[in-house]
Amino acid sequence: MMKSITIETEYIKLQDLLKLASLVSTGGEAKLMIAEGRAEVNGEVCTQRGKKIRPGDVVRYQNQEITVAYADQ
């Protein structure tokens, strides 16, 4: 199942997206999970917690897929 998160900025950082999507409890947990290679961006493992996620990108974390969309669309 794919979940869509609405953003009002140009992009959202990967760690912030995981928090906003309620997939992690804290920023520290997000940092650790990303550093351990547990998140994928567009099908590739991503260890950059500050990775910029924009509409069109697909993030996969713990068998959940997340996309982002701009609020005005």
PDB file of N, CA and C in Angstrom:
ATOM      1  N   MET A   1       0.842  -1.192   0.000  1.00  0.00           N
ATOM      2  CA  MET A   1       0.000   0.000   0.000  1.00  0.00           C
ATOM      3  C   MET A   1       0.878   1.242   0.000  1.00  0.00           C
ATOM      4  N   MET A   2       0.535   2.207  -0.833  1.00  0.00           N
ATOM      5  CA  MET A   2       1.322   3.423  -0.927  1.00  0.00           C
ATOM      6  C   MET A   2       0.625   4.544  -0.170  1.00  0.00           C
ATOM      7  N   LYS A   3       1.413   5.264   0.596  1.00  0.00           N
ATOM      8  CA  LYS A   3       0.915   6.393   1.384  1.00  0.00           C
ATOM      9  C   LYS A   3       1.456   7.668   0.757  1.00  0.00           C
ATOM     10  N   SER A   4       0.624   8.694   0.625  1.00  0.00           N
ATOM     11  CA  SER A   4       1.064   9.964   0.069  1.00  0.00           C
ATOM     12  C   SER A   4       1.076  11.030   1.163  1.00  0.00           C
ATOM     13  N   ILE A   5       2.175  11.761   1.233  1.00  0.00           N
ATOM     14  CA  ILE A   5       2.336  12.839   2.211  1.00  0.00           C
ATOM     15  C   ILE A   5       2.339  14.161   1.450  1.00  0.00           C
ATOM     16  N   THR A   6       1.570  15.114   1.935  1.00  0.00           N
ATOM     17  CA  THR A   6       1.498  16.432   1.291  1.00  0.00           C
ATOM     18  C   THR A   6       2.526  17.366   1.915  1.00  0.00           C
ATOM     19  N   ILE A   7       3.286  18.041   1.054  1.00  0.00           N
ATOM     20  CA  ILE A   7       4.276  19.006   1.532  1.00  0.00           C
ATOM     21  C   ILE A   7       3.985  20.374   0.923  1.00  0.00           C
ATOM     22  N   GLU A   8       4.436  21.415   1.611  1.00  0.00           N
ATOM     23  CA  GLU A   8       4.231  22.782   1.129  1.00  0.00           C
ATOM     24  C   GLU A   8       5.541  23.444   0.733  1.00  0.00           C
ATOM     25  N   THR A   9       6.620  22.677   0.787  1.00  0.00           N
ATOM     26  CA  THR A   9       7.939  23.189   0.429  1.00  0.00           C
ATOM     27  C   THR A   9       8.406  22.471  -0.837  1.00  0.00           C
ATOM     28  N   GLU A  10       9.548  22.889  -1.375  1.00  0.00           N
ATOM     29  CA  GLU A  10      10.068  22.288  -2.605  1.00  0.00           C
ATOM     30  C   GLU A  10      10.400  20.811  -2.420  1.00  0.00           C
ATOM     31  N   TYR A  11      10.878  20.463  -1.232  1.00  0.00           N
ATOM     32  CA  TYR A  11      11.262  19.080  -0.939  1.00  0.00           C
ATOM     33  C   TYR A  11      11.138  18.837   0.555  1.00  0.00           C
ATOM     34  N   ILE A  12      11.294  17.578   0.952  1.00  0.00           N
ATOM     35  CA  ILE A  12      11.346  17.217   2.363  1.00  0.00           C
ATOM     36  C   ILE A  12      12.522  16.267   2.540  1.00  0.00           C
ATOM     37  N   LYS A  13      13.250  16.425   3.624  1.00  0.00           N
ATOM     38  CA  LYS A  13      14.383  15.536   3.872  1.00  0.00           C
ATOM     39  C   LYS A  13      13.856  14.158   4.263  1.00  0.00           C
ATOM     40  N   LEU A  14      14.614  13.139   3.886  1.00  0.00           N
ATOM     41  CA  LEU A  14      14.211  11.760   4.142  1.00  0.00           C
ATOM     42  C   LEU A  14      13.879  11.523   5.609  1.00  0.00           C
ATOM     43  N   GLN A  15      14.730  11.977   6.522  1.00  0.00           N
ATOM     44  CA  GLN A  15      14.463  11.745   7.947  1.00  0.00           C
ATOM     45  C   GLN A  15      13.167  12.407   8.388  1.00  0.00           C
ATOM     46  N   ASP A  16      12.883  13.595   7.846  1.00  0.00           N
ATOM     47  CA  ASP A  16      11.655  14.298   8.215  1.00  0.00           C
ATOM     48  C   ASP A  16      10.423  13.603   7.632  1.00  0.00           C
ATOM     49  N   LEU A  17      10.573  13.033   6.439  1.00  0.00           N
ATOM     50  CA  LEU A  17       9.463  12.310   5.831  1.00  0.00           C
ATOM     51  C   LEU A  17       9.089  11.085   6.664  1.00  0.00           C
ATOM     52  N   LEU A  18      10.096  10.351   7.129  1.00  0.00           N
ATOM     53  CA  LEU A  18       9.810   9.166   7.947  1.00  0.00           C
ATOM     54  C   LEU A  18       9.080   9.554   9.233  1.00  0.00           C
ATOM     55  N   LYS A  19       9.454  10.692   9.822  1.00  0.00           N
ATOM     56  CA  LYS A  19       8.764  11.165  11.029  1.00  0.00           C
ATOM     57  C   LYS A  19       7.342  11.609  10.702  1.00  0.00           C
ATOM     58  N   LEU A  20       7.188  12.387   9.632  1.00  0.00           N
ATOM     59  CA  LEU A  20       5.879  12.912   9.251  1.00  0.00           C
ATOM     60  C   LEU A  20       4.912  11.780   8.895  1.00  0.00           C
ATOM     61  N   ALA A  21       5.435  10.724   8.321  1.00  0.00           N
ATOM     62  CA  ALA A  21       4.604   9.580   7.944  1.00  0.00           C
ATOM     63  C   ALA A  21       4.349   8.647   9.131  1.00  0.00           C
ATOM     64  N   SER A  22       4.853   9.016  10.306  1.00  0.00           N
ATOM     65  CA  SER A  22       4.691   8.231  11.540  1.00  0.00           C
ATOM     66  C   SER A  22       5.288   6.827  11.438  1.00  0.00           C
ATOM     67  N   LEU A  23       6.383   6.709  10.694  1.00  0.00           N
ATOM     68  CA  LEU A  23       7.068   5.419  10.573  1.00  0.00           C
ATOM     69  C   LEU A  23       8.180   5.282  11.600  1.00  0.00           C
ATOM     70  N   VAL A  24       8.607   6.402  12.179  1.00  0.00           N
ATOM     71  CA  VAL A  24       9.568   6.415  13.284  1.00  0.00           C
ATOM     72  C   VAL A  24       9.042   7.396  14.322  1.00  0.00           C
ATOM     73  N   SER A  25       9.497   7.232  15.550  1.00  0.00           N
ATOM     74  CA  SER A  25       9.008   8.084  16.639  1.00  0.00           C
ATOM     75  C   SER A  25       9.781   9.384  16.776  1.00  0.00           C
ATOM     76  N   THR A  26      11.093   9.314  16.512  1.00  0.00           N
ATOM     77  CA  THR A  26      11.940  10.486  16.743  1.00  0.00           C
ATOM     78  C   THR A  26      12.913  10.687  15.592  1.00  0.00           C
ATOM     79  N   GLY A  27      13.517  11.858  15.566  1.00  0.00           N
ATOM     80  CA  GLY A  27      14.558  12.132  14.587  1.00  0.00           C
ATOM     81  C   GLY A  27      15.765  11.230  14.786  1.00  0.00           C
ATOM     82  N   GLY A  28      16.056  10.923  16.029  1.00  0.00           N
ATOM     83  CA  GLY A  28      17.172  10.035  16.334  1.00  0.00           C
ATOM     84  C   GLY A  28      16.949   8.636  15.787  1.00  0.00           C
ATOM     85  N   GLU A  29      15.720   8.170  15.920  1.00  0.00           N
ATOM     86  CA  GLU A  29      15.388   6.846  15.378  1.00  0.00           C
ATOM     87  C   GLU A  29      15.495   6.860  13.848  1.00  0.00           C
ATOM     88  N   ALA A  30      15.011   7.933  13.225  1.00  0.00           N
ATOM     89  CA  ALA A  30      15.104   8.061  11.765  1.00  0.00           C
ATOM     90  C   ALA A  30      16.561   8.049  11.326  1.00  0.00           C
ATOM     91  N   LYS A  31      17.398   8.807  12.014  1.00  0.00           N
ATOM     92  CA  LYS A  31      18.824   8.877  11.691  1.00  0.00           C
ATOM     93  C   LYS A  31      19.459   7.491  11.740  1.00  0.00           C
ATOM     94  N   LEU A  32      19.159   6.735  12.789  1.00  0.00           N
ATOM     95  CA  LEU A  32      19.725   5.405  12.956  1.00  0.00           C
ATOM     96  C   LEU A  32      19.242   4.444  11.870  1.00  0.00           C
ATOM     97  N   MET A  33      17.953   4.439  11.600  1.00  0.00           N
ATOM     98  CA  MET A  33      17.388   3.530  10.599  1.00  0.00           C
ATOM     99  C   MET A  33      17.949   3.825   9.203  1.00  0.00           C
ATOM    100  N   ILE A  34      18.100   5.094   8.889  1.00  0.00           N
ATOM    101  CA  ILE A  34      18.655   5.479   7.581  1.00  0.00           C
ATOM    102  C   ILE A  34      20.122   5.092   7.510  1.00  0.00           C
ATOM    103  N   ALA A  35      20.875   5.367   8.571  1.00  0.00           N
ATOM    104  CA  ALA A  35      22.304   5.034   8.604  1.00  0.00           C
ATOM    105  C   ALA A  35      22.523   3.528   8.446  1.00  0.00           C
ATOM    106  N   GLU A  36      21.588   2.730   8.951  1.00  0.00           N
ATOM    107  CA  GLU A  36      21.690   1.277   8.839  1.00  0.00           C
ATOM    108  C   GLU A  36      21.245   0.763   7.474  1.00  0.00           C
ATOM    109  N   GLY A  37      20.823   1.661   6.586  1.00  0.00           N
ATOM    110  CA  GLY A  37      20.435   1.262   5.239  1.00  0.00           C
ATOM    111  C   GLY A  37      19.055   0.635   5.146  1.00  0.00           C
ATOM    112  N   ARG A  38      18.172   1.010   6.041  1.00  0.00           N
ATOM    113  CA  ARG A  38      16.828   0.415   6.052  1.00  0.00           C
ATOM    114  C   ARG A  38      15.815   1.152   5.174  1.00  0.00           C
ATOM    115  N   ALA A  39      16.221   2.271   4.596  1.00  0.00           N
ATOM    116  CA  ALA A  39      15.309   3.025   3.733  1.00  0.00           C
ATOM    117  C   ALA A  39      15.798   2.970   2.288  1.00  0.00           C
ATOM    118  N   GLU A  40      14.842   2.923   1.372  1.00  0.00           N
ATOM    119  CA  GLU A  40      15.160   2.961  -0.049  1.00  0.00           C
ATOM    120  C   GLU A  40      14.487   4.174  -0.666  1.00  0.00           C
ATOM    121  N   VAL A  41      15.188   4.796  -1.598  1.00  0.00           N
ATOM    122  CA  VAL A  41      14.628   5.905  -2.365  1.00  0.00           C
ATOM    123  C   VAL A  41      14.730   5.507  -3.834  1.00  0.00           C
ATOM    124  N   ASN A  42      13.596   5.439  -4.484  1.00  0.00           N
ATOM    125  CA  ASN A  42      13.525   5.048  -5.896  1.00  0.00           C
ATOM    126  C   ASN A  42      14.238   3.726  -6.156  1.00  0.00           C
ATOM    127  N   GLY A  43      14.034   2.778  -5.250  1.00  0.00           N
ATOM    128  CA  GLY A  43      14.562   1.433  -5.435  1.00  0.00           C
ATOM    129  C   GLY A  43      16.003   1.212  -5.022  1.00  0.00           C
ATOM    130  N   GLU A  44      16.664   2.233  -4.505  1.00  0.00           N
ATOM    131  CA  GLU A  44      18.055   2.101  -4.082  1.00  0.00           C
ATOM    132  C   GLU A  44      18.184   2.435  -2.598  1.00  0.00           C
ATOM    133  N   VAL A  45      19.004   1.646  -1.892  1.00  0.00           N
ATOM    134  CA  VAL A  45      19.248   1.912  -0.477  1.00  0.00           C
ATOM    135  C   VAL A  45      19.843   3.306  -0.332  1.00  0.00           C
ATOM    136  N   CYS A  46      19.323   4.072   0.621  1.00  0.00           N
ATOM    137  CA  CYS A  46      19.798   5.432   0.853  1.00  0.00           C
ATOM    138  C   CYS A  46      20.243   5.563   2.307  1.00  0.00           C
ATOM    139  N   THR A  47      21.467   6.011   2.504  1.00  0.00           N
ATOM    140  CA  THR A  47      21.984   6.218   3.865  1.00  0.00           C
ATOM    141  C   THR A  47      22.175   7.701   4.166  1.00  0.00           C
ATOM    142  N   GLN A  48      21.630   8.563   3.328  1.00  0.00           N
ATOM    143  CA  GLN A  48      21.731  10.014   3.534  1.00  0.00           C
ATOM    144  C   GLN A  48      20.438  10.510   4.170  1.00  0.00           C
ATOM    145  N   ARG A  49      20.492  10.843   5.452  1.00  0.00           N
ATOM    146  CA  ARG A  49      19.258  11.262   6.122  1.00  0.00           C
ATOM    147  C   ARG A  49      18.731  12.585   5.598  1.00  0.00           C
ATOM    148  N   GLY A  50      19.614  13.398   5.020  1.00  0.00           N
ATOM    149  CA  GLY A  50      19.196  14.678   4.470  1.00  0.00           C
ATOM    150  C   GLY A  50      18.822  14.618   3.001  1.00  0.00           C
ATOM    151  N   LYS A  51      18.686  13.414   2.453  1.00  0.00           N
ATOM    152  CA  LYS A  51      18.319  13.239   1.047  1.00  0.00           C
ATOM    153  C   LYS A  51      17.028  13.995   0.771  1.00  0.00           C
ATOM    154  N   LYS A  52      17.032  14.796  -0.278  1.00  0.00           N
ATOM    155  CA  LYS A  52      15.858  15.601  -0.626  1.00  0.00           C
ATOM    156  C   LYS A  52      14.851  14.744  -1.389  1.00  0.00           C
ATOM    157  N   ILE A  53      13.659  14.644  -0.844  1.00  0.00           N
ATOM    158  CA  ILE A  53      12.591  13.868  -1.459  1.00  0.00           C
ATOM    159  C   ILE A  53      11.596  14.847  -2.072  1.00  0.00           C
ATOM    160  N   ARG A  54      11.350  14.644  -3.364  1.00  0.00           N
ATOM    161  CA  ARG A  54      10.441  15.522  -4.104  1.00  0.00           C
ATOM    162  C   ARG A  54       9.302  14.679  -4.697  1.00  0.00           C
ATOM    163  N   PRO A  55       8.224  15.336  -5.118  1.00  0.00           N
ATOM    164  CA  PRO A  55       7.155  14.581  -5.784  1.00  0.00           C
ATOM    165  C   PRO A  55       7.741  13.759  -6.936  1.00  0.00           C
ATOM    166  N   GLY A  56       7.277  12.532  -7.049  1.00  0.00           N
ATOM    167  CA  GLY A  56       7.806  11.617  -8.057  1.00  0.00           C
ATOM    168  C   GLY A  56       8.749  10.591  -7.456  1.00  0.00           C
ATOM    169  N   ASP A  57       9.350  10.916  -6.307  1.00  0.00           N
ATOM    170  CA  ASP A  57      10.226   9.970  -5.628  1.00  0.00           C
ATOM    171  C   ASP A  57       9.360   8.974  -4.830  1.00  0.00           C
ATOM    172  N   VAL A  58       9.852   7.755  -4.720  1.00  0.00           N
ATOM    173  CA  VAL A  58       9.161   6.729  -3.932  1.00  0.00           C
ATOM    174  C   VAL A  58      10.118   6.264  -2.844  1.00  0.00           C
ATOM    175  N   VAL A  59       9.681   6.374  -1.602  1.00  0.00           N
ATOM    176  CA  VAL A  59      10.474   5.940  -0.456  1.00  0.00           C
ATOM    177  C   VAL A  59       9.862   4.647   0.064  1.00  0.00           C
ATOM    178  N   ARG A  60      10.704   3.680   0.328  1.00  0.00           N
ATOM    179  CA  ARG A  60      10.248   2.398   0.892  1.00  0.00           C
ATOM    180  C   ARG A  60      10.943   2.195   2.230  1.00  0.00           C
ATOM    181  N   TYR A  61      10.130   1.912   3.239  1.00  0.00           N
ATOM    182  CA  TYR A  61      10.652   1.695   4.580  1.00  0.00           C
ATOM    183  C   TYR A  61       9.749   0.691   5.278  1.00  0.00           C
ATOM    184  N   GLN A  62      10.310  -0.388   5.754  1.00  0.00           N
ATOM    185  CA  GLN A  62       9.557  -1.436   6.464  1.00  0.00           C
ATOM    186  C   GLN A  62       8.291  -1.848   5.712  1.00  0.00           C
ATOM    187  N   ASN A  63       8.470  -2.236   4.460  1.00  0.00           N
ATOM    188  CA  ASN A  63       7.369  -2.718   3.607  1.00  0.00           C
ATOM    189  C   ASN A  63       6.267  -1.690   3.370  1.00  0.00           C
ATOM    190  N   GLN A  64       6.572  -0.422   3.576  1.00  0.00           N
ATOM    191  CA  GLN A  64       5.612   0.645   3.281  1.00  0.00           C
ATOM    192  C   GLN A  64       6.225   1.545   2.216  1.00  0.00           C
ATOM    193  N   GLU A  65       5.405   1.988   1.284  1.00  0.00           N
ATOM    194  CA  GLU A  65       5.872   2.925   0.265  1.00  0.00           C
ATOM    195  C   GLU A  65       5.222   4.277   0.507  1.00  0.00           C
ATOM    196  N   ILE A  66       6.048   5.312   0.395  1.00  0.00           N
ATOM    197  CA  ILE A  66       5.581   6.677   0.641  1.00  0.00           C
ATOM    198  C   ILE A  66       5.962   7.539  -0.550  1.00  0.00           C
ATOM    199  N   THR A  67       5.046   8.386  -0.984  1.00  0.00           N
ATOM    200  CA  THR A  67       5.333   9.386  -1.999  1.00  0.00           C
ATOM    201  C   THR A  67       4.976  10.742  -1.411  1.00  0.00           C
ATOM    202  N   VAL A  68       5.430  11.787  -2.057  1.00  0.00           N
ATOM    203  CA  VAL A  68       5.070  13.132  -1.616  1.00  0.00           C
ATOM    204  C   VAL A  68       4.376  13.862  -2.766  1.00  0.00           C
ATOM    205  N   ALA A  69       3.512  14.790  -2.402  1.00  0.00           N
ATOM    206  CA  ALA A  69       2.808  15.628  -3.370  1.00  0.00           C
ATOM    207  C   ALA A  69       2.772  17.047  -2.838  1.00  0.00           C
ATOM    208  N   TYR A  70       2.795  18.009  -3.741  1.00  0.00           N
ATOM    209  CA  TYR A  70       2.698  19.396  -3.309  1.00  0.00           C
ATOM    210  C   TYR A  70       1.266  19.700  -2.894  1.00  0.00           C
ATOM    211  N   ALA A  71       1.112  20.537  -1.898  1.00  0.00           N
ATOM    212  CA  ALA A  71      -0.194  20.863  -1.333  1.00  0.00           C
ATOM    213  C   ALA A  71      -1.119  21.509  -2.360  1.00  0.00           C
ATOM    214  N   ASP A  72      -0.578  22.262  -3.304  1.00  0.00           N
ATOM    215  CA  ASP A  72      -1.423  22.986  -4.254  1.00  0.00           C
ATOM    216  C   ASP A  72      -1.798  22.173  -5.485  1.00  0.00           C
ATOM    217  N   GLN A  73      -1.478  20.892  -5.497  1.00  0.00           N
ATOM    218  CA  GLN A  73      -1.808  20.068  -6.670  1.00  0.00           C
ATOM    219  C   GLN A  73      -2.929  19.118  -6.375  1.00  0.00           C
TER     220      GLN A  73
END
